[in-house]
């Protein structure tokens, strides 16, 4: 795709290879690098989508790798392995290597429940609780959820132990809501 066309249309493409759905490591180069301070998403010229921590042996190693880049937006998971990021650690990611400020966004799946998350309870499985509606095809540890059910919503937002509260406490600038198309997979796909 023509680089100027995508910027003229107001969106940023996600550069990837056919075998890399999300980045598992920090790429060597940044598309459209700049020294601008990013105070709103619309100012971003590029972003890093890095929700896997598999290639990093420590939080500090991942922080150092990201801090050495000039990405305008950094999108990471709330957790490094099973440990939440702290506001101090997220603060270390908010400056680009060239001195500009960037936004750091947290990944959250709102349409599916994942067995490896802090909220998962022993004994849960398909239809137990009832809002665990359907297996997420291609992901062994994930289920589509009835996102409108209060028990699921309580996990996602509205209390001090909710996923969104943890994102806010960690100092992220926002949240990337994944699996918002859950309704389709619950009722229309077969």
N, C-alpha and C. Protein backbone atom coordinates (compact mmCIF):
# COMPACT_ATOMS: atom_id res chain seq x y z
N UNK A 1 0.84 -1.18 0.00
CA UNK A 1 0.00 0.00 0.00
C UNK A 1 0.89 1.24 0.00
N UNK A 2 0.47 2.22 -0.72
CA UNK A 2 1.17 3.49 -0.78
C UNK A 2 1.18 4.14 0.60
N UNK A 3 2.38 4.46 1.13
CA UNK A 3 2.52 5.03 2.46
C UNK A 3 1.74 6.33 2.62
N UNK A 4 1.80 7.22 1.63
CA UNK A 4 1.12 8.50 1.78
C UNK A 4 -0.40 8.32 1.77
N UNK A 5 -0.90 7.34 1.02
CA UNK A 5 -2.33 7.10 0.98
C UNK A 5 -2.85 6.72 2.36
N UNK A 6 -2.17 5.84 3.06
CA UNK A 6 -2.67 5.42 4.36
C UNK A 6 -2.67 6.57 5.36
N UNK A 7 -1.67 7.43 5.31
CA UNK A 7 -1.65 8.57 6.23
C UNK A 7 -2.71 9.60 5.84
N UNK A 8 -2.94 9.78 4.54
CA UNK A 8 -3.98 10.70 4.10
C UNK A 8 -5.37 10.23 4.51
N UNK A 9 -5.56 8.93 4.63
CA UNK A 9 -6.84 8.37 5.03
C UNK A 9 -7.02 8.36 6.54
N UNK A 10 -5.97 8.69 7.30
CA UNK A 10 -6.09 8.82 8.74
C UNK A 10 -5.88 7.54 9.53
N UNK A 11 -5.17 6.57 8.97
CA UNK A 11 -4.89 5.37 9.75
C UNK A 11 -3.45 4.95 9.54
N UNK A 12 -2.99 4.13 10.46
CA UNK A 12 -1.63 3.61 10.41
C UNK A 12 -1.71 2.10 10.20
N UNK A 13 -1.05 1.60 9.19
CA UNK A 13 -1.05 0.16 8.94
C UNK A 13 -0.24 -0.57 10.00
N UNK A 14 -0.59 -1.83 10.19
CA UNK A 14 0.17 -2.70 11.08
C UNK A 14 1.13 -3.51 10.22
N UNK A 15 2.41 -3.17 10.23
CA UNK A 15 3.37 -3.92 9.41
C UNK A 15 3.68 -5.26 10.07
N UNK A 16 3.55 -6.33 9.31
CA UNK A 16 3.83 -7.65 9.86
C UNK A 16 4.17 -8.62 8.75
N UNK A 17 4.71 -9.75 9.15
CA UNK A 17 4.95 -10.83 8.20
C UNK A 17 3.78 -11.80 8.32
N UNK A 18 3.65 -12.71 7.37
CA UNK A 18 2.52 -13.63 7.39
C UNK A 18 2.53 -14.56 8.60
N UNK A 19 3.68 -14.78 9.19
CA UNK A 19 3.76 -15.68 10.35
C UNK A 19 3.78 -14.94 11.68
N UNK A 20 3.62 -13.63 11.66
CA UNK A 20 3.74 -12.85 12.89
C UNK A 20 2.48 -12.01 13.10
N UNK A 21 1.48 -12.59 13.79
CA UNK A 21 0.22 -11.87 14.02
C UNK A 21 0.45 -10.66 14.91
N UNK A 22 1.19 -10.83 15.97
CA UNK A 22 1.58 -9.70 16.80
C UNK A 22 3.08 -9.79 17.00
N UNK A 23 3.69 -8.68 17.22
CA UNK A 23 5.13 -8.69 17.40
C UNK A 23 5.49 -9.52 18.64
N UNK A 24 6.53 -10.28 18.48
CA UNK A 24 7.09 -11.01 19.62
C UNK A 24 8.43 -10.42 20.01
N UNK A 25 8.89 -9.50 19.19
CA UNK A 25 10.14 -8.80 19.48
C UNK A 25 10.06 -7.39 18.91
N UNK A 26 10.96 -6.56 19.30
CA UNK A 26 10.97 -5.19 18.81
C UNK A 26 11.68 -5.17 17.45
N UNK A 27 11.01 -4.71 16.40
CA UNK A 27 11.64 -4.64 15.08
C UNK A 27 12.84 -3.70 15.06
N UNK A 28 13.70 -3.89 14.09
CA UNK A 28 14.92 -3.08 13.98
C UNK A 28 14.66 -1.65 13.52
N UNK A 29 13.57 -1.44 12.80
CA UNK A 29 13.33 -0.09 12.28
C UNK A 29 11.89 0.34 12.55
N UNK A 30 11.68 1.65 12.53
CA UNK A 30 10.38 2.27 12.77
C UNK A 30 9.94 2.96 11.49
N UNK A 31 8.70 2.73 11.08
CA UNK A 31 8.15 3.44 9.92
C UNK A 31 7.75 4.84 10.36
N UNK A 32 8.11 5.86 9.58
CA UNK A 32 7.76 7.25 9.85
C UNK A 32 8.22 7.73 11.24
N UNK A 33 9.49 7.53 11.60
CA UNK A 33 9.94 8.01 12.91
C UNK A 33 9.88 9.53 12.98
N UNK A 34 9.67 10.07 14.17
CA UNK A 34 9.62 11.51 14.35
C UNK A 34 9.96 11.85 15.79
N UNK A 35 10.26 13.11 16.05
CA UNK A 35 10.60 13.56 17.41
C UNK A 35 9.42 14.24 18.09
N UNK A 36 8.28 14.25 17.45
CA UNK A 36 7.11 14.93 18.00
C UNK A 36 6.66 14.30 19.31
N UNK A 37 6.16 15.15 20.21
CA UNK A 37 5.48 14.65 21.40
C UNK A 37 4.10 14.19 20.97
N UNK A 38 3.72 13.02 21.40
CA UNK A 38 2.40 12.48 21.07
C UNK A 38 1.50 12.69 22.28
N UNK A 39 0.55 13.60 22.15
CA UNK A 39 -0.37 13.88 23.24
C UNK A 39 -1.75 13.31 22.96
N UNK A 40 -2.01 12.93 21.69
CA UNK A 40 -3.26 12.27 21.32
C UNK A 40 -2.98 11.25 20.22
N UNK A 41 -3.79 10.23 20.16
CA UNK A 41 -3.57 9.14 19.21
C UNK A 41 -3.51 9.63 17.77
N UNK A 42 -4.29 10.62 17.43
CA UNK A 42 -4.33 11.11 16.05
C UNK A 42 -2.99 11.68 15.58
N UNK A 43 -2.09 11.97 16.49
CA UNK A 43 -0.77 12.51 16.12
C UNK A 43 0.24 11.41 15.77
N UNK A 44 -0.08 10.18 16.10
CA UNK A 44 0.87 9.08 15.91
C UNK A 44 1.11 8.78 14.44
N UNK A 45 2.36 8.50 14.12
CA UNK A 45 2.77 8.11 12.77
C UNK A 45 3.12 6.62 12.68
N UNK A 46 3.25 5.97 13.84
CA UNK A 46 3.67 4.57 13.89
C UNK A 46 3.31 3.99 15.25
N UNK A 47 3.38 2.68 15.35
CA UNK A 47 3.14 2.05 16.65
C UNK A 47 3.79 0.68 16.73
N UNK A 48 4.01 0.27 17.95
CA UNK A 48 4.56 -1.05 18.25
C UNK A 48 3.49 -1.86 18.96
N UNK A 49 3.15 -3.01 18.40
CA UNK A 49 2.17 -3.93 18.99
C UNK A 49 2.95 -5.12 19.51
N UNK A 50 3.16 -5.18 20.82
CA UNK A 50 4.06 -6.18 21.41
C UNK A 50 3.37 -6.79 22.63
N UNK A 51 2.43 -7.71 22.40
CA UNK A 51 1.70 -8.27 23.53
C UNK A 51 2.29 -9.58 24.04
N UNK A 52 3.32 -10.07 23.40
CA UNK A 52 4.01 -11.27 23.87
C UNK A 52 5.29 -10.88 24.60
N UNK A 53 5.52 -11.52 25.73
CA UNK A 53 6.76 -11.27 26.48
C UNK A 53 7.73 -12.44 26.34
N UNK A 54 7.41 -13.40 25.51
CA UNK A 54 8.19 -14.65 25.40
C UNK A 54 9.67 -14.44 25.10
N UNK A 55 10.01 -13.42 24.35
CA UNK A 55 11.41 -13.22 23.95
C UNK A 55 12.19 -12.33 24.91
N UNK A 56 11.63 -12.05 26.08
CA UNK A 56 12.31 -11.21 27.05
C UNK A 56 12.47 -11.98 28.35
N UNK A 57 13.68 -11.96 28.90
CA UNK A 57 13.95 -12.71 30.13
C UNK A 57 13.55 -11.95 31.39
N UNK A 58 13.30 -10.64 31.27
CA UNK A 58 12.93 -9.85 32.44
C UNK A 58 12.12 -8.63 32.00
N UNK A 59 11.41 -8.07 32.97
CA UNK A 59 10.68 -6.82 32.71
C UNK A 59 11.64 -5.73 32.27
N UNK A 60 12.74 -5.59 32.99
CA UNK A 60 13.69 -4.52 32.67
C UNK A 60 14.28 -4.70 31.28
N UNK A 61 14.50 -5.94 30.87
CA UNK A 61 14.98 -6.19 29.51
C UNK A 61 13.99 -5.72 28.46
N UNK A 62 12.70 -5.97 28.71
CA UNK A 62 11.67 -5.51 27.78
C UNK A 62 11.57 -3.99 27.81
N UNK A 63 11.63 -3.40 29.00
CA UNK A 63 11.61 -1.93 29.12
C UNK A 63 12.76 -1.32 28.33
N UNK A 64 13.95 -1.85 28.51
CA UNK A 64 15.13 -1.32 27.81
C UNK A 64 14.99 -1.43 26.30
N UNK A 65 14.45 -2.56 25.82
CA UNK A 65 14.28 -2.74 24.38
C UNK A 65 13.29 -1.73 23.80
N UNK A 66 12.20 -1.51 24.51
CA UNK A 66 11.18 -0.55 24.02
C UNK A 66 11.68 0.88 24.17
N UNK A 67 12.32 1.19 25.29
CA UNK A 67 12.80 2.56 25.54
C UNK A 67 13.83 3.00 24.51
N UNK A 68 14.50 2.07 23.88
CA UNK A 68 15.52 2.38 22.88
C UNK A 68 14.92 2.67 21.50
N UNK A 69 13.58 2.70 21.41
CA UNK A 69 12.92 2.92 20.12
C UNK A 69 12.28 4.30 20.04
N UNK A 70 11.80 4.60 18.84
CA UNK A 70 11.11 5.87 18.60
C UNK A 70 9.66 5.67 18.16
N UNK A 71 9.03 4.62 18.64
CA UNK A 71 7.61 4.41 18.34
C UNK A 71 6.77 5.47 19.04
N UNK A 72 5.76 5.96 18.34
CA UNK A 72 4.86 6.97 18.90
C UNK A 72 3.88 6.35 19.90
N UNK A 73 3.43 5.15 19.60
CA UNK A 73 2.50 4.41 20.45
C UNK A 73 3.12 3.05 20.74
N UNK A 74 3.07 2.64 22.00
CA UNK A 74 3.50 1.30 22.37
C UNK A 74 2.30 0.60 22.98
N UNK A 75 1.94 -0.53 22.40
CA UNK A 75 0.81 -1.31 22.88
C UNK A 75 1.33 -2.62 23.45
N UNK A 76 1.19 -2.81 24.77
CA UNK A 76 1.67 -4.01 25.44
C UNK A 76 0.57 -4.57 26.33
N UNK A 77 0.80 -5.77 26.82
CA UNK A 77 -0.13 -6.39 27.76
C UNK A 77 0.02 -5.77 29.14
N UNK A 78 -1.00 -5.84 29.96
CA UNK A 78 -0.95 -5.35 31.34
C UNK A 78 0.04 -6.14 32.18
N UNK A 79 0.34 -7.36 31.74
CA UNK A 79 1.20 -8.26 32.51
C UNK A 79 2.47 -8.61 31.76
N UNK A 80 3.56 -8.73 32.50
CA UNK A 80 4.77 -9.36 32.00
C UNK A 80 4.75 -10.74 32.61
N UNK A 81 4.54 -11.75 31.78
CA UNK A 81 4.21 -13.09 32.27
C UNK A 81 2.97 -12.93 33.15
N UNK A 82 3.00 -13.22 34.40
CA UNK A 82 1.80 -13.05 35.24
C UNK A 82 1.93 -11.89 36.21
N UNK A 83 2.94 -11.07 36.04
CA UNK A 83 3.20 -9.95 36.94
C UNK A 83 2.76 -8.64 36.29
N UNK A 84 1.94 -7.87 37.00
CA UNK A 84 1.46 -6.59 36.48
C UNK A 84 2.61 -5.59 36.36
N UNK A 85 2.53 -4.76 35.34
CA UNK A 85 3.45 -3.64 35.22
C UNK A 85 3.10 -2.62 36.31
N UNK A 86 4.10 -1.93 36.82
CA UNK A 86 3.87 -0.86 37.80
C UNK A 86 3.84 0.49 37.08
N UNK A 87 3.32 1.50 37.76
CA UNK A 87 3.29 2.83 37.16
C UNK A 87 4.70 3.35 36.92
N UNK A 88 5.64 2.98 37.76
CA UNK A 88 7.03 3.38 37.57
C UNK A 88 7.61 2.75 36.29
N UNK A 89 7.30 1.48 36.08
CA UNK A 89 7.80 0.80 34.88
C UNK A 89 7.16 1.36 33.62
N UNK A 90 5.85 1.59 33.66
CA UNK A 90 5.18 2.17 32.49
C UNK A 90 5.72 3.57 32.23
N UNK A 91 6.02 4.31 33.29
CA UNK A 91 6.60 5.65 33.14
C UNK A 91 7.92 5.63 32.37
N UNK A 92 8.69 4.56 32.52
CA UNK A 92 9.96 4.44 31.80
C UNK A 92 9.76 4.28 30.29
N UNK A 93 8.55 3.90 29.88
CA UNK A 93 8.26 3.67 28.47
C UNK A 93 7.68 4.89 27.76
N UNK A 94 7.37 5.93 28.49
CA UNK A 94 6.63 7.06 27.92
C UNK A 94 7.48 8.06 27.16
N UNK A 95 8.78 7.85 27.11
CA UNK A 95 9.65 8.73 26.32
C UNK A 95 10.34 7.92 25.23
N UNK A 96 10.31 8.47 24.02
CA UNK A 96 11.01 7.84 22.91
C UNK A 96 12.51 8.06 23.08
N UNK A 97 13.31 7.26 22.42
CA UNK A 97 14.77 7.39 22.51
C UNK A 97 15.22 8.77 22.03
N UNK A 98 14.50 9.37 21.08
CA UNK A 98 14.89 10.67 20.55
C UNK A 98 14.39 11.83 21.40
N UNK A 99 13.77 11.54 22.56
CA UNK A 99 13.34 12.59 23.47
C UNK A 99 11.87 12.95 23.41
N UNK A 100 11.20 12.56 22.35
CA UNK A 100 9.76 12.84 22.26
C UNK A 100 8.96 11.98 23.23
N UNK A 101 7.77 12.44 23.55
CA UNK A 101 6.89 11.66 24.42
C UNK A 101 6.00 10.77 23.56
N UNK A 102 5.65 9.63 24.12
CA UNK A 102 4.76 8.70 23.43
C UNK A 102 3.65 8.25 24.37
N UNK A 103 2.66 7.58 23.82
CA UNK A 103 1.56 6.99 24.58
C UNK A 103 1.82 5.50 24.74
N UNK A 104 1.47 4.98 25.92
CA UNK A 104 1.60 3.56 26.20
C UNK A 104 0.19 3.03 26.50
N UNK A 105 -0.24 2.07 25.71
CA UNK A 105 -1.59 1.54 25.74
C UNK A 105 -1.56 0.08 26.20
N UNK A 106 -2.54 -0.32 27.00
CA UNK A 106 -2.63 -1.70 27.47
C UNK A 106 -3.61 -2.51 26.63
N UNK A 107 -3.22 -3.74 26.34
CA UNK A 107 -4.10 -4.70 25.69
C UNK A 107 -5.09 -5.25 26.72
N UNK A 108 -6.35 -5.44 26.31
CA UNK A 108 -7.35 -6.14 27.14
C UNK A 108 -8.36 -6.81 26.21
N UNK A 109 -8.63 -8.06 26.46
CA UNK A 109 -9.68 -8.75 25.71
C UNK A 109 -10.98 -8.60 26.48
N UNK A 110 -11.96 -7.95 25.86
CA UNK A 110 -13.25 -7.76 26.53
C UNK A 110 -14.31 -8.73 26.03
N UNK A 111 -14.02 -9.43 24.95
CA UNK A 111 -15.00 -10.37 24.39
C UNK A 111 -14.65 -11.82 24.61
N UNK A 112 -13.51 -12.05 25.23
CA UNK A 112 -13.12 -13.43 25.51
C UNK A 112 -12.41 -13.51 26.86
N UNK A 113 -12.59 -14.65 27.51
CA UNK A 113 -11.92 -14.93 28.78
C UNK A 113 -10.74 -15.85 28.49
N UNK A 114 -9.63 -15.60 29.18
CA UNK A 114 -8.40 -16.36 28.95
C UNK A 114 -8.00 -17.09 30.22
N UNK A 115 -7.76 -18.39 30.10
CA UNK A 115 -7.45 -19.23 31.27
C UNK A 115 -6.22 -18.78 32.04
N UNK A 116 -5.30 -18.10 31.40
CA UNK A 116 -4.05 -17.73 32.05
C UNK A 116 -4.12 -16.38 32.77
N UNK A 117 -5.29 -15.74 32.81
CA UNK A 117 -5.44 -14.44 33.46
C UNK A 117 -5.71 -14.60 34.96
N UNK A 118 -5.42 -13.57 35.71
CA UNK A 118 -5.56 -13.57 37.17
C UNK A 118 -6.98 -13.88 37.63
N UNK A 119 -7.98 -13.56 36.83
CA UNK A 119 -9.37 -13.71 37.24
C UNK A 119 -9.90 -15.14 37.08
N UNK A 120 -9.18 -15.98 36.31
CA UNK A 120 -9.67 -17.32 36.01
C UNK A 120 -9.73 -18.17 37.29
N UNK A 121 -10.85 -18.86 37.48
CA UNK A 121 -11.05 -19.68 38.68
C UNK A 121 -10.94 -21.16 38.34
N UNK A 122 -10.40 -21.92 39.27
CA UNK A 122 -10.31 -23.38 39.13
C UNK A 122 -11.73 -23.93 38.95
N UNK A 123 -11.90 -24.82 38.03
CA UNK A 123 -13.20 -25.42 37.77
C UNK A 123 -14.00 -24.74 36.67
N UNK A 124 -13.55 -23.58 36.21
CA UNK A 124 -14.25 -22.93 35.11
C UNK A 124 -14.00 -23.71 33.82
N UNK A 125 -14.97 -23.67 32.95
CA UNK A 125 -14.88 -24.29 31.63
C UNK A 125 -16.09 -23.88 30.82
N UNK A 126 -16.23 -24.46 29.67
CA UNK A 126 -17.32 -24.10 28.77
C UNK A 126 -18.67 -24.16 29.50
N UNK A 127 -19.39 -23.07 29.49
CA UNK A 127 -20.70 -22.88 30.12
C UNK A 127 -20.66 -22.90 31.64
N UNK A 128 -19.51 -22.87 32.22
CA UNK A 128 -19.41 -22.79 33.69
C UNK A 128 -18.29 -21.82 34.05
N UNK A 129 -18.61 -20.60 34.39
CA UNK A 129 -19.95 -20.04 34.55
C UNK A 129 -20.69 -19.92 33.20
N UNK A 130 -21.98 -19.66 33.27
CA UNK A 130 -22.82 -19.67 32.08
C UNK A 130 -22.42 -18.65 31.02
N UNK A 131 -21.72 -17.58 31.41
CA UNK A 131 -21.32 -16.58 30.44
C UNK A 131 -20.11 -17.01 29.61
N UNK A 132 -19.47 -18.12 29.93
CA UNK A 132 -18.44 -18.70 29.06
C UNK A 132 -19.17 -19.47 27.97
N UNK A 133 -19.35 -18.87 26.83
CA UNK A 133 -20.31 -19.33 25.83
C UNK A 133 -19.75 -20.33 24.83
N UNK A 134 -18.53 -20.11 24.34
CA UNK A 134 -18.05 -20.90 23.21
C UNK A 134 -16.53 -20.91 23.18
N UNK A 135 -15.93 -22.03 22.76
CA UNK A 135 -14.48 -22.10 22.59
C UNK A 135 -14.06 -21.10 21.51
N UNK A 136 -12.93 -20.48 21.73
CA UNK A 136 -12.35 -19.54 20.75
C UNK A 136 -11.47 -20.38 19.84
N UNK A 137 -11.94 -20.59 18.64
CA UNK A 137 -11.26 -21.45 17.69
C UNK A 137 -9.82 -20.98 17.45
N UNK A 138 -8.88 -21.91 17.60
CA UNK A 138 -7.47 -21.60 17.38
C UNK A 138 -6.72 -21.20 18.64
N UNK A 139 -7.43 -21.02 19.74
CA UNK A 139 -6.81 -20.63 21.01
C UNK A 139 -7.32 -21.57 22.10
N UNK A 140 -6.48 -22.50 22.53
CA UNK A 140 -6.89 -23.53 23.49
C UNK A 140 -7.32 -22.98 24.84
N UNK A 141 -6.76 -21.87 25.25
CA UNK A 141 -7.01 -21.32 26.59
C UNK A 141 -7.98 -20.15 26.60
N UNK A 142 -8.86 -20.09 25.60
CA UNK A 142 -9.70 -18.89 25.48
C UNK A 142 -11.14 -19.26 25.11
N UNK A 143 -12.08 -18.50 25.68
CA UNK A 143 -13.50 -18.71 25.44
C UNK A 143 -14.18 -17.38 25.12
N UNK A 144 -15.08 -17.39 24.12
CA UNK A 144 -15.92 -16.24 23.87
C UNK A 144 -16.88 -16.10 25.05
N UNK A 145 -17.16 -14.86 25.44
CA UNK A 145 -18.00 -14.63 26.61
C UNK A 145 -19.26 -13.86 26.24
N UNK A 146 -20.30 -14.03 27.05
CA UNK A 146 -21.48 -13.18 26.97
C UNK A 146 -21.11 -11.90 27.70
N UNK A 147 -20.57 -10.97 26.95
CA UNK A 147 -19.96 -9.76 27.52
C UNK A 147 -20.98 -8.86 28.22
N UNK A 148 -22.23 -9.05 28.00
CA UNK A 148 -23.26 -8.23 28.62
C UNK A 148 -23.65 -8.74 30.01
N UNK A 149 -23.12 -9.88 30.42
CA UNK A 149 -23.44 -10.44 31.74
C UNK A 149 -22.67 -9.70 32.83
N UNK A 150 -23.37 -9.38 33.91
CA UNK A 150 -22.80 -8.58 34.99
C UNK A 150 -21.55 -9.23 35.59
N UNK A 151 -21.52 -10.53 35.76
CA UNK A 151 -20.34 -11.18 36.35
C UNK A 151 -19.09 -10.95 35.49
N UNK A 152 -19.24 -10.99 34.17
CA UNK A 152 -18.10 -10.71 33.29
C UNK A 152 -17.74 -9.23 33.35
N UNK A 153 -18.73 -8.37 33.31
CA UNK A 153 -18.48 -6.94 33.37
C UNK A 153 -17.77 -6.56 34.67
N UNK A 154 -18.10 -7.22 35.78
CA UNK A 154 -17.42 -6.96 37.05
C UNK A 154 -15.93 -7.32 36.97
N UNK A 155 -15.59 -8.29 36.18
CA UNK A 155 -14.18 -8.65 35.98
C UNK A 155 -13.48 -7.55 35.18
N UNK A 156 -14.16 -7.01 34.19
CA UNK A 156 -13.56 -6.04 33.27
C UNK A 156 -13.52 -4.63 33.86
N UNK A 157 -14.57 -4.17 34.52
CA UNK A 157 -14.57 -2.77 34.99
C UNK A 157 -15.49 -2.60 36.21
N UNK A 158 -15.35 -1.46 36.88
CA UNK A 158 -16.30 -1.05 37.89
C UNK A 158 -15.97 -1.38 39.33
N UNK A 159 -14.79 -1.91 39.59
CA UNK A 159 -14.41 -2.17 40.98
C UNK A 159 -12.88 -2.16 41.08
N UNK A 160 -12.38 -2.17 42.30
CA UNK A 160 -10.93 -2.02 42.52
C UNK A 160 -10.10 -3.22 42.08
N UNK A 161 -10.73 -4.37 41.86
CA UNK A 161 -9.99 -5.54 41.38
C UNK A 161 -10.22 -5.78 39.89
N UNK A 162 -10.92 -4.87 39.24
CA UNK A 162 -11.23 -5.06 37.83
C UNK A 162 -10.00 -4.87 36.94
N UNK A 163 -10.08 -5.45 35.78
CA UNK A 163 -8.99 -5.36 34.80
C UNK A 163 -8.70 -3.89 34.46
N UNK A 164 -9.76 -3.11 34.20
CA UNK A 164 -9.55 -1.70 33.85
C UNK A 164 -8.93 -0.91 34.99
N UNK A 165 -9.29 -1.20 36.22
CA UNK A 165 -8.69 -0.50 37.36
C UNK A 165 -7.20 -0.81 37.43
N UNK A 166 -6.83 -2.04 37.15
CA UNK A 166 -5.42 -2.43 37.14
C UNK A 166 -4.66 -1.66 36.04
N UNK A 167 -5.30 -1.48 34.90
CA UNK A 167 -4.69 -0.71 33.80
C UNK A 167 -4.48 0.74 34.23
N UNK A 168 -5.49 1.33 34.84
CA UNK A 168 -5.37 2.71 35.32
C UNK A 168 -4.29 2.83 36.39
N UNK A 169 -4.28 1.91 37.34
CA UNK A 169 -3.28 1.94 38.41
C UNK A 169 -1.86 1.81 37.89
N UNK A 170 -1.68 1.10 36.80
CA UNK A 170 -0.35 0.89 36.22
C UNK A 170 0.13 2.12 35.44
N UNK A 171 -0.75 3.09 35.21
CA UNK A 171 -0.33 4.32 34.54
C UNK A 171 -0.39 4.29 33.03
N UNK A 172 -1.10 3.33 32.46
CA UNK A 172 -1.26 3.31 31.00
C UNK A 172 -2.05 4.53 30.56
N UNK A 173 -1.85 4.94 29.31
CA UNK A 173 -2.55 6.09 28.75
C UNK A 173 -3.90 5.71 28.16
N UNK A 174 -4.15 4.43 28.01
CA UNK A 174 -5.42 3.98 27.44
C UNK A 174 -5.43 2.48 27.34
N UNK A 175 -6.49 1.96 26.73
CA UNK A 175 -6.66 0.51 26.57
C UNK A 175 -7.07 0.19 25.15
N UNK A 176 -6.49 -0.88 24.62
CA UNK A 176 -6.85 -1.43 23.32
C UNK A 176 -7.82 -2.58 23.59
N UNK A 177 -9.07 -2.43 23.17
CA UNK A 177 -10.11 -3.42 23.43
C UNK A 177 -10.13 -4.46 22.32
N UNK A 178 -9.74 -5.68 22.66
CA UNK A 178 -9.71 -6.75 21.67
C UNK A 178 -10.97 -7.61 21.79
N UNK A 179 -11.28 -8.29 20.71
CA UNK A 179 -12.41 -9.22 20.61
C UNK A 179 -13.76 -8.53 20.82
N UNK A 180 -13.87 -7.32 20.32
CA UNK A 180 -15.14 -6.60 20.40
C UNK A 180 -16.19 -7.21 19.47
N UNK A 181 -15.77 -8.09 18.60
CA UNK A 181 -16.70 -8.75 17.67
C UNK A 181 -17.28 -10.03 18.26
N UNK A 182 -17.22 -10.21 19.57
CA UNK A 182 -17.67 -11.43 20.24
C UNK A 182 -19.10 -11.80 19.87
N UNK A 183 -19.97 -10.84 19.74
CA UNK A 183 -21.37 -11.13 19.44
C UNK A 183 -21.50 -11.97 18.17
N UNK A 184 -20.73 -11.64 17.15
CA UNK A 184 -20.75 -12.40 15.90
C UNK A 184 -20.39 -13.86 16.14
N UNK A 185 -19.35 -14.10 16.91
CA UNK A 185 -18.89 -15.46 17.14
C UNK A 185 -19.81 -16.24 18.08
N UNK A 186 -20.60 -15.52 18.86
CA UNK A 186 -21.53 -16.19 19.76
C UNK A 186 -22.82 -16.60 19.06
N UNK A 187 -23.27 -15.81 18.08
CA UNK A 187 -24.59 -16.05 17.52
C UNK A 187 -24.66 -16.26 16.01
N UNK A 188 -23.66 -15.83 15.27
CA UNK A 188 -23.78 -15.90 13.82
C UNK A 188 -22.82 -16.84 13.13
N UNK A 189 -21.76 -17.22 13.78
CA UNK A 189 -20.75 -18.06 13.12
C UNK A 189 -21.06 -19.52 13.38
N UNK A 190 -21.18 -20.29 12.36
CA UNK A 190 -21.33 -21.76 12.47
C UNK A 190 -21.10 -22.44 11.18
